[in-house]
Amino acid sequence: MLQPHIQLDETIMAHCALLPGDPARLDRIAPFLSDVTELAYNREFRSLHGTYKGLPVLAVSTGIGGASAGIAAEELHNIGVRAMIRIGSCGSLQPKVKLGDLVIVNGAVKDDGASKTYSQAIFPAIPDAELMFACIEAAKEQGFAHHIGIARSHDSFYTDQEAEIDAYWSRQGVLGADMETAALFTIGSLRGFKTASILNNVVAYEQDTLESIGSYVSGEDLAMQGERNEILTALEALRRVIKDG
């Protein structure tokens, strides 16, 4: 059955997917794959299919925020995808997380609306352990700078208390902030598919978010290298987990 938003169906025949936010990021995923085919582009949901070391892989953009990421995840699950890795960006909440470093998320603060629509705030937003550890091992083996810890998922860059909010969660030991991970983890737990999240830090600790994101979109070297690192880490992790059954 054709899914209404991602415009894909079961004939795609792929059991794993990369989930970037930005549709343009698919152009930077494609060189890592062979036999690449563009599939659909509806609203924020752009998709392609390719293979990585013989493994069929989808890449589907989710747009901004947990609500649209949740739609993509639900519809991909409906067509048989059973492992999804978010490859997104984050802003650092700790001085040790440098530009271009990866954050492999072992749990997310549910400070967004989408995840709490599915379950109470006390329900944990956590990844699939097997897929998360595969991401960790892949990052280690390739020597990519990475950190393992908690991310905060939120809904806006433009509240009046952003500096105070960031300072609070920094004191709690949270490594970085994004907008989609908590929703993906929550839905994966409830629906029974594997999830992980790898975040590329594009905003230095205590730096201006809007200026930093603008630089990332323009192709700043460290952030772009981090993006390449997270793509390769995610592909290697999926290959290991799907290959092993």
Foldseek 3Di string as FASTA:
>chain_A
DQQDALRDALVLPAQEEEEEAAPVCVVVLVVQFPPKDWDDDGDSWTKIWGDHPRHIYMYIHQHAFAVSVLSVLVVVVNNNHFEYEYEYAWAFLDQVQFALEKEWEQWEQAAADQLCVLHNNPPTQGFDPLLSVLLVVLCVVVVGHYHYYYEYAHDDPDDPCNVVVSNVVSVVVHTTYGGHRSSNSSVCVVVVGGYIYMHGYQHHHPHDPVVSVVVVVVPDPSSVNSSVSSSSSNSSSVCVVVVVD
